[in-house]
Amino acid sequence: MKTSASITAKTSLLGLALISLTPAVAVAETSPYYLGASLGAYRSTNVFRESNTSGSDTIVVASLLAGLDQRLGRQRLYGDTSVSTNRYSSNSLLNNLGYSLKGGLDWETAGKLSGTLYADAQRNLADYNTGTNIQIRSKNLEENRQFGLRVRYGLEGPYSIEGDANSRARRYSAKEYDPLEYDQTAYSLGLYYTPSPIWRFGVSARLTDGSFFNGPSPYDYKRRDIDFSTNWVPSGASSLDLRISPTRETRSSGAGSSFSGLTGALAWTWRPTGKLGFQTRVARDTGSQTYYAGIPSASSALSNNVGTSLASQLSYQLTGKVSLDANVSYTTTSSTLDTPFGRIDGDDRYTGWGFGVRWEVVRWLSAGCTYSQSKRNSNVTAYSYTAGTYGCYAQGMLR
C-alpha cells in the first residue's frame, strides 16, 4: 500500500511492486546498505480503464533493488534504486522494464549554512484514462525526471532564510500523449520564524515557468505564488502542516484561460499509540502543479483545471511480525477547455481505496498481499470506469 498521501490508486504494476517494497526499506538497521529482490503476481480487472469492457489480465512483477544511507562527517548521502520487469499474460504488448532512481546529499558547514541536493528519475507504464481524456490501447511508458537544490541559512535568533531551485520534465512514449509532456523550472525564497520547538511560520515567494509541448501547438505558462506556511507539533504523536498560497497563473496567447485564486494544502500526521498511525492530507491546486501534489493531471494541456482532494491512510502493527494498512481517497476536478467551437466544461470525481497485509517471515524474508480499487465518474460517460487490482508478493532483503 502507498505510504504517501496519494489521490488515485496507481494502475501500473511497477507502482504496486514499489509500494509493497516500501515497508522493508524503512526498517532501521545498523548497515547503511541494502540489497533485495521481490516477486509478485497481480490481477487487474480493467487494464485500460475503459467503461465498456472488463479487460482483465494477470501480471507478474520481478524487481531488484538496492540502496544506501551513509553519514560522512556532517554530510549524509542516501539513495534508493529499483528495476522491475512487468509481464502481462494476455496483453504482452504492455510488457515493460521500469525503474526508480532516487538520491540526495544533505550537507552543512561548520557555520549556519546547510542544504540538500536531490535528484530522481522514474519510468513505468502510464496509467490509462486517469486524469486525461485520451484513450488508447497501445503501450505507453511514462518517464519523470527531477533534480534540485535547497539551501538554508540561519539568521540571528529564531529566523532563517531558505531557498529552493528545481527542474522537472515528463515524457511519454505514445504520441497521443504528446500534449501532456512538459518541462518546468521553479524557484522559491522565503523567511522562516521558529519561536519554539512546536511552532514554525514561513512566508516565501515561488516562481514557476514551464512549457507544454502540446503537439503542433506548444505553449508556455508562468505561475506566481506567495506561500504562507505553518508547522505545528503539539506533541511527539501529532503534527500539522498548513500552506495557503495566493496564486496567479498565466498562459501564452491562445493556450486557454489564466487562473487567479487560492491554492494550498493541509497535512496531519497522528500516531496515538506505538502500533497505530494515521496520515491525512487535503489539497487544492491547478493542473500545472497537481501532478506532483497527487491530484490527477489536467484533462488537456489547453485546459485550466482546479482539483480538490482528500486522502487518508491508516497503518497498524498487529503483531511483531504482521502489519496492516488501509487507505481511502477522493478528489474532484473541474476544467475549462477553449476550442474553435467554443468552451467545453469538464467535471470528474475520483474515488479510491485499498488495504494490505505484510508478514515478516524471518529477518530477511517477508510476504504480503494488497488490494486496491479506483473509480472515475465523468460528465463524459465514455471516460467513466471502475477498476481493481489485487495480488501477493514475496521479497528478500539483505543488509
Protein backbone atom coordinates (compact mmCIF):
# COMPACT_ATOMS: atom_id res chain seq x y z
CA MET A 1 0.00 0.00 0.00
CA LYS A 2 1.13 3.54 -0.51
CA THR A 3 2.88 5.29 2.32
CA SER A 4 2.28 8.82 1.00
CA ALA A 5 -0.95 10.72 0.57
CA SER A 6 -1.92 9.86 -2.96
CA ILE A 7 -5.25 10.71 -4.52
CA THR A 8 -5.76 7.93 -7.12
CA ALA A 9 -4.60 4.32 -6.97
CA LYS A 10 -1.73 3.68 -9.37
CA THR A 11 -2.63 1.21 -12.07
CA SER A 12 0.86 0.29 -13.20
CA LEU A 13 2.21 -2.89 -11.67
CA LEU A 14 5.60 -1.30 -11.20
CA GLY A 15 3.92 1.13 -8.86
CA LEU A 16 2.33 -1.74 -6.95
CA ALA A 17 5.65 -3.52 -6.65
CA LEU A 18 7.38 -0.45 -5.27
CA ILE A 19 4.52 0.10 -2.82
CA SER A 20 4.88 -3.43 -1.50
CA LEU A 21 8.63 -2.99 -1.08
CA THR A 22 8.44 0.21 0.92
CA PRO A 23 7.88 -1.24 4.42
CA ALA A 24 11.01 -3.38 4.31
CA VAL A 25 13.18 -0.48 3.16
CA ALA A 26 12.06 1.58 6.14
CA VAL A 27 13.24 -0.94 8.74
CA ALA A 28 16.00 0.53 10.89
CA GLU A 29 19.27 -1.40 10.62
CA THR A 30 22.90 -0.74 11.51
CA SER A 31 24.17 -1.34 7.97
CA PRO A 32 23.97 1.67 5.64
CA TYR A 33 23.42 -0.56 2.59
CA TYR A 34 20.76 -2.99 1.46
CA LEU A 35 20.15 -5.35 -1.46
CA GLY A 36 16.85 -7.00 -2.23
CA ALA A 37 14.60 -8.80 -4.66
CA SER A 38 10.85 -9.20 -4.99
CA LEU A 39 8.47 -11.40 -6.97
CA GLY A 40 4.74 -10.76 -7.16
CA ALA A 41 1.66 -11.76 -9.14
CA TYR A 42 -1.29 -9.36 -9.57
CA ARG A 43 -4.69 -9.40 -11.22
CA SER A 44 -6.08 -6.25 -12.82
CA THR A 45 -9.82 -6.21 -13.58
CA ASN A 46 -9.66 -3.35 -16.12
CA VAL A 47 -6.19 -2.81 -17.54
CA PHE A 48 -7.08 0.02 -19.96
CA ARG A 49 -9.55 1.74 -17.61
CA GLU A 50 -12.44 1.55 -20.07
CA SER A 51 -16.14 1.99 -19.34
CA ASN A 52 -17.50 -0.73 -21.64
CA THR A 53 -15.16 -3.67 -21.10
CA SER A 54 -13.54 -5.60 -18.27
CA GLY A 55 -10.14 -6.09 -19.95
CA SER A 56 -8.75 -8.16 -17.07
CA ASP A 57 -5.21 -9.53 -17.06
CA THR A 58 -2.64 -11.19 -14.82
CA ILE A 59 0.74 -9.50 -14.37
CA VAL A 60 3.93 -10.93 -12.90
CA VAL A 61 6.40 -8.41 -11.47
CA ALA A 62 10.04 -9.21 -10.63
CA SER A 63 12.14 -6.50 -9.01
CA LEU A 64 15.72 -5.90 -7.90
CA LEU A 65 16.51 -3.08 -5.50
CA ALA A 66 19.40 -1.52 -3.64
CA GLY A 67 20.10 1.50 -1.52
CA LEU A 68 22.32 3.27 0.97
CA ASP A 69 22.06 5.77 3.82
CA GLN A 70 25.55 6.79 4.88
CA ARG A 71 26.85 9.51 7.19
CA LEU A 72 30.08 11.22 6.04
CA GLY A 73 31.01 13.55 8.86
CA ARG A 74 28.47 16.39 8.76
CA GLN A 75 27.12 15.15 5.43
CA ARG A 76 24.59 12.41 4.71
CA LEU A 77 24.48 10.52 1.41
CA TYR A 78 21.38 8.48 0.60
CA GLY A 79 19.82 6.72 -2.36
CA ASP A 80 17.29 4.08 -3.41
CA THR A 81 17.09 2.30 -6.74
CA SER A 82 14.88 -0.43 -8.16
CA VAL A 83 14.48 -2.15 -11.52
CA SER A 84 11.30 -4.10 -12.31
CA THR A 85 10.23 -6.26 -15.20
CA ASN A 86 6.45 -6.45 -15.74
CA ARG A 87 4.97 -9.31 -17.77
CA TYR A 88 1.29 -9.39 -18.85
CA SER A 89 -0.41 -12.71 -19.53
CA SER A 90 -2.96 -11.60 -22.17
CA ASN A 91 -1.61 -8.18 -23.24
CA SER A 92 2.02 -8.98 -23.96
CA LEU A 93 2.40 -5.69 -25.87
CA LEU A 94 2.37 -4.00 -22.43
CA ASN A 95 5.41 -5.91 -21.16
CA ASN A 96 7.92 -3.37 -19.93
CA LEU A 97 11.02 -2.68 -17.87
CA GLY A 98 10.58 0.05 -15.28
CA TYR A 99 12.95 1.73 -12.86
CA SER A 100 13.09 4.19 -10.00
CA LEU A 101 16.25 6.10 -9.02
CA LYS A 102 16.23 8.48 -6.07
CA GLY A 103 19.12 10.04 -4.23
CA GLY A 104 20.41 13.05 -2.42
CA LEU A 105 23.09 14.67 -0.29
CA ASP A 106 22.30 16.52 2.94
CA TRP A 107 25.15 18.90 3.65
CA GLU A 108 26.09 21.52 6.24
CA THR A 109 29.06 23.73 7.05
CA ALA A 110 30.59 24.48 10.42
CA GLY A 111 28.60 27.73 10.36
CA LYS A 112 24.92 28.44 9.68
CA LEU A 113 24.70 27.18 6.10
CA SER A 114 23.11 23.84 5.19
CA GLY A 115 21.08 22.30 2.42
CA THR A 116 20.08 19.33 0.29
CA LEU A 117 20.99 18.32 -3.25
CA TYR A 118 18.45 15.84 -4.66
CA ALA A 119 17.52 14.04 -7.87
CA ASP A 120 15.19 11.28 -9.02
CA ALA A 121 14.16 9.56 -12.24
CA GLN A 122 11.34 7.09 -12.83
CA ARG A 123 9.90 5.08 -15.70
CA ASN A 124 6.76 2.94 -15.61
CA LEU A 125 3.71 2.07 -17.65
CA ALA A 126 1.48 5.15 -17.61
CA ASP A 127 -2.00 4.98 -16.11
CA TYR A 128 -4.72 4.64 -18.72
CA ASN A 129 -7.66 7.06 -18.73
CA THR A 130 -6.68 8.68 -15.43
CA GLY A 131 -6.79 12.46 -15.37
CA THR A 132 -6.77 12.71 -19.14
CA ASN A 133 -9.37 12.44 -21.89
CA ILE A 134 -7.04 10.36 -24.04
CA GLN A 135 -7.98 6.72 -24.55
CA ILE A 136 -5.56 4.31 -26.20
CA ARG A 137 -4.79 0.59 -26.04
CA SER A 138 -1.15 0.76 -27.05
CA LYS A 139 1.91 0.62 -24.81
CA ASN A 140 2.67 3.97 -23.19
CA LEU A 141 5.72 4.42 -20.96
CA GLU A 142 5.89 7.48 -18.73
CA GLU A 143 9.23 8.99 -17.69
CA ASN A 144 9.68 11.63 -14.99
CA ARG A 145 12.90 13.40 -14.05
CA GLN A 146 13.63 15.91 -11.32
CA PHE A 147 16.67 17.49 -9.70
CA GLY A 148 17.07 20.41 -7.37
CA LEU A 149 18.87 22.21 -4.58
CA ARG A 150 17.61 23.53 -1.22
CA VAL A 151 19.70 25.94 0.84
CA ARG A 152 19.10 27.14 4.41
CA TYR A 153 20.92 29.95 6.24
CA GLY A 154 20.36 30.61 9.93
CA LEU A 155 19.99 34.24 10.98
CA GLU A 156 20.22 35.63 14.48
CA GLY A 157 17.66 34.24 16.90
CA PRO A 158 14.75 32.09 15.62
CA TYR A 159 14.90 33.30 11.98
CA SER A 160 16.24 31.58 8.88
CA ILE A 161 16.26 32.10 5.11
CA GLU A 162 15.55 29.16 2.81
CA GLY A 163 15.73 28.86 -0.97
CA ASP A 164 14.86 26.13 -3.44
CA ALA A 165 15.53 25.64 -7.16
CA ASN A 166 14.35 22.61 -9.12
CA SER A 167 13.76 21.37 -12.64
CA ARG A 168 11.20 18.77 -13.73
CA ALA A 169 10.36 17.04 -17.00
CA ARG A 170 7.81 14.47 -18.16
CA ARG A 171 7.79 12.37 -21.34
CA TYR A 172 5.57 9.66 -22.84
CA SER A 173 6.36 7.01 -25.45
CA ALA A 174 2.88 7.17 -27.08
CA LYS A 175 2.44 10.09 -29.48
CA GLU A 176 -1.20 10.51 -28.38
CA TYR A 177 0.13 11.77 -25.03
CA ASP A 178 2.42 14.43 -26.53
CA PRO A 179 0.07 17.23 -25.32
CA LEU A 180 0.85 16.26 -21.70
CA GLU A 181 4.64 16.36 -21.99
CA TYR A 182 6.31 19.35 -20.38
CA ASP A 183 9.42 20.96 -18.90
CA GLN A 184 9.22 23.04 -15.73
CA THR A 185 11.56 25.06 -13.54
CA ALA A 186 10.66 26.58 -10.17
CA TYR A 187 12.40 28.86 -7.68
CA SER A 188 11.43 29.92 -4.18
CA LEU A 189 12.92 32.14 -1.46
CA GLY A 190 11.42 32.63 1.98
CA LEU A 191 11.83 33.81 5.55
CA TYR A 192 11.02 31.42 8.40
CA TYR A 193 10.39 32.04 12.11
CA THR A 194 10.68 29.28 14.74
CA PRO A 195 9.73 30.73 18.14
CA SER A 196 9.61 27.32 19.86
CA PRO A 197 10.09 23.62 19.12
CA ILE A 198 6.35 23.20 18.42
CA TRP A 199 5.78 26.19 16.09
CA ARG A 200 7.26 27.26 12.76
CA PHE A 201 5.95 30.00 10.45
CA GLY A 202 7.10 30.97 6.97
CA VAL A 203 6.39 33.25 4.04
CA SER A 204 8.04 32.73 0.66
CA ALA A 205 7.80 33.77 -2.97
CA ARG A 206 7.63 30.96 -5.56
CA LEU A 207 8.14 31.44 -9.31
CA THR A 208 7.32 28.66 -11.79
CA ASP A 209 7.93 28.70 -15.55
CA GLY A 210 7.00 25.83 -17.81
CA SER A 211 6.29 24.67 -21.34
CA PHE A 212 3.68 22.17 -22.52
CA PHE A 213 4.67 20.72 -25.88
CA ASN A 214 1.05 20.07 -26.93
CA GLY A 215 1.96 18.52 -30.28
CA PRO A 216 1.81 21.14 -33.06
CA SER A 217 0.71 23.92 -30.68
CA PRO A 218 3.21 24.25 -27.81
CA TYR A 219 2.70 26.98 -25.24
CA ASP A 220 4.39 28.47 -22.19
CA TYR A 221 2.93 29.28 -18.80
CA LYS A 222 4.06 31.30 -15.80
CA ARG A 223 2.89 30.83 -12.23
CA ARG A 224 3.50 33.12 -9.25
CA ASP A 225 2.73 32.08 -5.65
CA ILE A 226 3.11 33.67 -2.23
CA ASP A 227 3.27 30.74 0.22
CA PHE A 228 2.17 31.24 3.82
CA SER A 229 3.06 28.14 5.84
CA THR A 230 2.69 26.90 9.40
CA ASN A 231 4.02 23.79 11.11
CA TRP A 232 2.60 22.81 14.50
CA VAL A 233 3.88 19.87 16.56
CA PRO A 234 1.75 19.84 19.72
CA SER A 235 3.23 16.51 20.85
CA GLY A 236 5.53 13.76 19.71
CA ALA A 237 2.46 11.88 18.45
CA SER A 238 0.95 14.56 16.21
CA SER A 239 2.00 17.20 13.66
CA LEU A 240 0.10 19.61 11.41
CA ASP A 241 1.38 21.33 8.24
CA LEU A 242 -0.59 24.09 6.50
CA ARG A 243 0.14 26.06 3.32
CA ILE A 244 -2.09 28.76 1.83
CA SER A 245 -0.97 30.42 -1.41
CA PRO A 246 -2.44 33.31 -3.40
CA THR A 247 -1.74 32.04 -6.92
CA ARG A 248 -1.63 33.69 -10.34
CA GLU A 249 -1.09 31.57 -13.46
CA THR A 250 -0.91 32.99 -16.97
CA ARG A 251 -0.57 31.24 -20.33
CA SER A 252 0.72 32.28 -23.70
CA SER A 253 -1.75 33.57 -26.29
CA GLY A 254 -4.33 31.01 -27.45
CA ALA A 255 -3.45 28.47 -24.74
CA GLY A 256 -6.58 28.73 -22.61
CA SER A 257 -7.66 30.89 -19.72
CA SER A 258 -5.49 32.03 -16.83
CA PHE A 259 -6.06 31.29 -13.16
CA SER A 260 -6.13 33.59 -10.15
CA GLY A 261 -7.14 32.38 -6.69
CA LEU A 262 -6.10 30.48 -3.59
CA THR A 263 -4.30 27.13 -3.60
CA GLY A 264 -2.93 25.19 -0.68
CA ALA A 265 -2.61 22.00 1.33
CA LEU A 266 -3.18 20.72 4.87
CA ALA A 267 -1.44 17.59 6.17
CA TRP A 268 -1.98 15.90 9.54
CA THR A 269 0.04 13.03 11.00
CA TRP A 270 -1.14 11.33 14.19
CA ARG A 271 0.28 8.31 15.99
CA PRO A 272 -1.87 7.73 19.11
CA THR A 273 0.00 4.53 20.03
CA GLY A 274 3.19 2.82 19.04
CA LYS A 275 1.21 0.40 16.86
CA LEU A 276 -1.37 2.71 15.25
CA GLY A 277 -0.77 5.63 12.87
CA PHE A 278 -2.86 7.93 10.65
CA GLN A 279 -1.93 10.28 7.81
CA THR A 280 -4.43 12.68 6.20
CA ARG A 281 -3.96 15.31 3.51
CA VAL A 282 -6.25 17.85 1.87
CA ALA A 283 -5.10 19.81 -1.20
CA ARG A 284 -6.41 22.29 -3.74
CA ASP A 285 -4.33 23.18 -6.79
CA THR A 286 -4.24 23.64 -10.56
CA GLY A 287 -3.11 21.34 -13.37
CA SER A 288 0.40 22.77 -13.70
CA GLN A 289 1.33 21.61 -10.17
CA THR A 290 -1.06 18.79 -9.33
CA TYR A 291 0.99 16.05 -10.98
CA TYR A 292 3.33 16.32 -8.01
CA ALA A 293 0.59 17.10 -5.46
CA GLY A 294 -1.22 13.82 -6.09
CA ILE A 295 -4.25 15.23 -7.92
CA PRO A 296 -4.95 13.89 -11.43
CA SER A 297 -3.39 15.90 -14.22
CA ALA A 298 -5.25 18.29 -16.49
CA SER A 299 -7.66 16.69 -18.96
CA SER A 300 -5.79 18.56 -21.69
CA ALA A 301 -2.73 20.74 -21.82
CA LEU A 302 -5.03 23.53 -23.02
CA SER A 303 -7.49 23.22 -20.16
CA ASN A 304 -7.47 25.23 -16.96
CA ASN A 305 -8.41 22.79 -14.22
CA VAL A 306 -8.66 23.03 -10.46
CA GLY A 307 -8.67 19.94 -8.25
CA THR A 308 -9.62 19.44 -4.61
CA SER A 309 -8.57 16.23 -2.91
CA LEU A 310 -8.70 14.33 0.37
CA ALA A 311 -6.59 11.28 1.18
CA SER A 312 -6.14 9.30 4.37
CA GLN A 313 -4.04 6.29 5.32
CA LEU A 314 -4.02 4.05 8.37
CA SER A 315 -1.25 1.67 9.48
CA TYR A 316 -1.44 -0.84 12.32
CA GLN A 317 1.18 -3.22 13.73
CA LEU A 318 -1.00 -6.24 14.51
CA THR A 319 1.85 -8.33 15.95
CA GLY A 320 5.62 -8.16 15.98
CA LYS A 321 5.64 -9.78 12.53
CA VAL A 322 2.30 -8.80 10.96
CA SER A 323 1.32 -5.26 9.89
CA LEU A 324 -1.87 -3.95 8.26
CA ASP A 325 -2.59 -0.79 6.31
CA ALA A 326 -5.53 0.78 4.52
CA ASN A 327 -6.20 3.96 2.55
CA VAL A 328 -9.07 5.91 1.07
CA SER A 329 -9.06 8.92 -1.27
CA TYR A 330 -11.44 11.24 -3.03
CA THR A 331 -10.82 14.06 -5.48
CA THR A 332 -12.87 16.32 -7.71
CA THR A 333 -11.57 18.27 -10.69
CA SER A 334 -13.23 20.85 -12.86
CA SER A 335 -11.77 22.16 -16.10
CA THR A 336 -12.50 24.51 -18.98
CA LEU A 337 -11.15 23.86 -22.46
CA ASP A 338 -11.17 26.59 -25.14
CA THR A 339 -11.67 25.16 -28.65
CA PRO A 340 -12.50 26.67 -32.07
CA PHE A 341 -16.09 25.54 -31.41
CA GLY A 342 -16.40 27.21 -28.03
CA ARG A 343 -15.63 26.42 -24.40
CA ILE A 344 -16.01 22.85 -23.06
CA ASP A 345 -16.51 22.26 -19.33
CA GLY A 346 -15.36 19.08 -17.67
CA ASP A 347 -16.11 17.59 -14.25
CA ASP A 348 -14.56 14.47 -12.77
CA ARG A 349 -14.74 12.66 -9.44
CA TYR A 350 -12.19 10.06 -8.44
CA THR A 351 -12.50 7.66 -5.54
CA GLY A 352 -10.03 5.05 -4.44
CA TRP A 353 -9.48 2.70 -1.55
CA GLY A 354 -7.28 -0.22 -0.69
CA PHE A 355 -5.78 -2.37 2.03
CA GLY A 356 -2.85 -4.70 2.54
CA VAL A 357 -1.19 -7.10 4.95
CA ARG A 358 2.51 -7.79 5.37
CA TRP A 359 4.14 -10.69 7.22
CA GLU A 360 7.81 -10.77 8.23
CA VAL A 361 8.51 -14.48 7.87
CA VAL A 362 12.11 -14.20 9.07
CA ARG A 363 14.51 -11.29 9.41
CA TRP A 364 15.43 -11.21 5.71
CA LEU A 365 12.20 -12.54 4.13
CA SER A 366 8.70 -11.06 4.06
CA ALA A 367 5.46 -11.63 2.17
CA GLY A 368 2.20 -9.77 1.71
CA CYS A 369 -0.98 -9.16 -0.26
CA THR A 370 -2.66 -5.98 -1.47
CA TYR A 371 -6.00 -4.94 -2.93
CA SER A 372 -6.93 -1.55 -4.42
CA GLN A 373 -9.91 -0.17 -6.32
CA SER A 374 -10.30 3.08 -8.24
CA LYS A 375 -13.31 4.69 -9.85
CA ARG A 376 -13.76 7.68 -12.15
CA ASN A 377 -17.10 9.42 -12.65
CA SER A 378 -17.01 11.91 -15.52
CA ASN A 379 -19.60 14.14 -17.16
CA VAL A 380 -18.43 12.38 -20.34
CA THR A 381 -19.75 8.82 -19.93
CA ALA A 382 -17.03 7.26 -22.09
CA TYR A 383 -14.35 8.33 -19.58
CA SER A 384 -16.03 6.77 -16.52
CA TYR A 385 -14.70 3.44 -15.26
CA THR A 386 -14.21 1.13 -12.29
CA ALA A 387 -11.06 -0.93 -11.84
CA GLY A 388 -9.50 -3.14 -9.20
CA THR A 389 -6.07 -4.68 -8.70
CA TYR A 390 -5.11 -7.41 -6.22
CA GLY A 391 -2.20 -9.74 -5.69
CA CYS A 392 0.54 -11.09 -3.45
CA TYR A 393 4.31 -10.86 -3.33
CA ALA A 394 7.40 -12.18 -1.56
CA GLN A 395 10.61 -10.26 -1.04
CA GLY A 396 14.04 -10.79 0.42
CA MET A 397 16.32 -8.13 1.87
CA LEU A 398 19.99 -8.32 2.86
CA ARG A 399 21.82 -5.64 4.85
